[in-house]
Amino acid sequence: MDPVNFAYAVLKAIQQRIELTEQAILAGSPKTMEDYRQLAGELKGLQFAEQEIKDTLDKNEKEES
């Protein structure tokens, strides 16, 4: 698997996890404040990773043009 396809596969997995985490928060799954903080922290980290991968892919596409 080439690096670009790998990046897109990881990005897709991250986006799916973001969606699941958001759904869990909105559905009221966290029963304690600690559970909520854990999910919110996970979501923030996933969003950061998603943006970094998107930025890198965009940069790569611009360099290839």
C-alpha atoms as a PDB file:
ATOM      1  CA  MET A   1       0.000   0.000   0.000  1.00  0.00           C
ATOM      2  CA  ASP A   2       1.439   3.341  -0.970  1.00  0.00           C
ATOM      3  CA  PRO A   3       1.689   6.135   1.647  1.00  0.00           C
ATOM      4  CA  VAL A   4      -1.167   8.216   0.218  1.00  0.00           C
ATOM      5  CA  ASN A   5      -3.608   5.300   0.241  1.00  0.00           C
ATOM      6  CA  PHE A   6      -2.451   4.440   3.749  1.00  0.00           C
ATOM      7  CA  ALA A   7      -3.116   8.025   4.869  1.00  0.00           C
ATOM      8  CA  TYR A   8      -6.620   7.927   3.386  1.00  0.00           C
ATOM      9  CA  ALA A   9      -7.321   4.593   5.113  1.00  0.00           C
ATOM     10  CA  VAL A  10      -6.186   5.973   8.473  1.00  0.00           C
ATOM     11  CA  LEU A  11      -8.201   9.148   7.887  1.00  0.00           C
ATOM     12  CA  LYS A  12     -11.327   7.100   7.210  1.00  0.00           C
ATOM     13  CA  ALA A  13     -10.830   5.082  10.398  1.00  0.00           C
ATOM     14  CA  ILE A  14     -10.330   8.279  12.407  1.00  0.00           C
ATOM     15  CA  GLN A  15     -13.459   9.851  10.925  1.00  0.00           C
ATOM     16  CA  GLN A  16     -15.495   6.767  11.802  1.00  0.00           C
ATOM     17  CA  ARG A  17     -14.214   6.869  15.366  1.00  0.00           C
ATOM     18  CA  ILE A  18     -15.018  10.597  15.599  1.00  0.00           C
ATOM     19  CA  GLU A  19     -18.577   9.855  14.521  1.00  0.00           C
ATOM     20  CA  LEU A  20     -18.958   7.063  17.085  1.00  0.00           C
ATOM     21  CA  THR A  21     -17.516   9.216  19.851  1.00  0.00           C
ATOM     22  CA  GLU A  22     -19.794  12.147  19.000  1.00  0.00           C
ATOM     23  CA  GLN A  23     -22.803   9.827  18.971  1.00  0.00           C
ATOM     24  CA  ALA A  24     -21.848   8.413  22.355  1.00  0.00           C
ATOM     25  CA  ILE A  25     -21.587  11.885  23.864  1.00  0.00           C
ATOM     26  CA  LEU A  26     -24.856  13.084  22.322  1.00  0.00           C
ATOM     27  CA  ALA A  27     -26.683   9.915  23.374  1.00  0.00           C
ATOM     28  CA  GLY A  28     -25.712  10.511  26.983  1.00  0.00           C
ATOM     29  CA  SER A  29     -23.485   7.454  27.252  1.00  0.00           C
ATOM     30  CA  PRO A  30     -21.043   9.025  29.726  1.00  0.00           C
ATOM     31  CA  LYS A  31     -22.503   8.354  33.157  1.00  0.00           C
ATOM     32  CA  THR A  32     -19.946  10.334  35.115  1.00  0.00           C
ATOM     33  CA  MET A  33     -18.075  13.554  34.525  1.00  0.00           C
ATOM     34  CA  GLU A  34     -14.869  11.519  34.244  1.00  0.00           C
ATOM     35  CA  ASP A  35     -16.418   9.426  31.460  1.00  0.00           C
ATOM     36  CA  TYR A  36     -17.467  12.617  29.676  1.00  0.00           C
ATOM     37  CA  ARG A  37     -13.995  14.120  30.028  1.00  0.00           C
ATOM     38  CA  GLN A  38     -12.433  10.959  28.650  1.00  0.00           C
ATOM     39  CA  LEU A  39     -14.692  10.967  25.591  1.00  0.00           C
ATOM     40  CA  ALA A  40     -14.229  14.712  25.065  1.00  0.00           C
ATOM     41  CA  GLY A  41     -10.447  14.291  25.251  1.00  0.00           C
ATOM     42  CA  GLU A  42     -10.550  11.391  22.827  1.00  0.00           C
ATOM     43  CA  LEU A  43     -12.673  13.454  20.448  1.00  0.00           C
ATOM     44  CA  LYS A  44     -10.297  16.396  20.619  1.00  0.00           C
ATOM     45  CA  GLY A  45      -7.298  14.150  19.891  1.00  0.00           C
ATOM     46  CA  LEU A  46      -9.062  12.461  16.989  1.00  0.00           C
ATOM     47  CA  GLN A  47     -10.049  15.811  15.496  1.00  0.00           C
ATOM     48  CA  PHE A  48      -6.465  17.015  15.779  1.00  0.00           C
ATOM     49  CA  ALA A  49      -5.157  13.879  14.050  1.00  0.00           C
ATOM     50  CA  GLU A  50      -7.821  14.195  11.341  1.00  0.00           C
ATOM     51  CA  GLN A  51      -6.842  17.790  10.598  1.00  0.00           C
ATOM     52  CA  GLU A  52      -3.122  16.990  10.509  1.00  0.00           C
ATOM     53  CA  ILE A  53      -3.677  14.185   8.006  1.00  0.00           C
ATOM     54  CA  LYS A  54      -5.948  16.364   5.857  1.00  0.00           C
ATOM     55  CA  ASP A  55      -3.398  19.188   5.880  1.00  0.00           C
ATOM     56  CA  THR A  56      -0.596  16.814   4.903  1.00  0.00           C
ATOM     57  CA  LEU A  57      -2.639  15.282   2.091  1.00  0.00           C
ATOM     58  CA  ASP A  58      -3.589  18.741   0.802  1.00  0.00           C
ATOM     59  CA  LYS A  59       0.039  19.836   0.875  1.00  0.00           C
ATOM     60  CA  ASN A  60       1.056  16.681  -0.958  1.00  0.00           C
ATOM     61  CA  GLU A  61      -1.584  17.235  -3.654  1.00  0.00           C
ATOM     62  CA  LYS A  62      -0.463  20.841  -4.181  1.00  0.00           C
ATOM     63  CA  GLU A  63       3.173  19.766  -4.532  1.00  0.00           C
ATOM     64  CA  GLU A  64       2.208  17.182  -7.162  1.00  0.00           C
ATOM     65  CA  SER A  65       0.308  19.759  -9.239  1.00  0.00           C
END
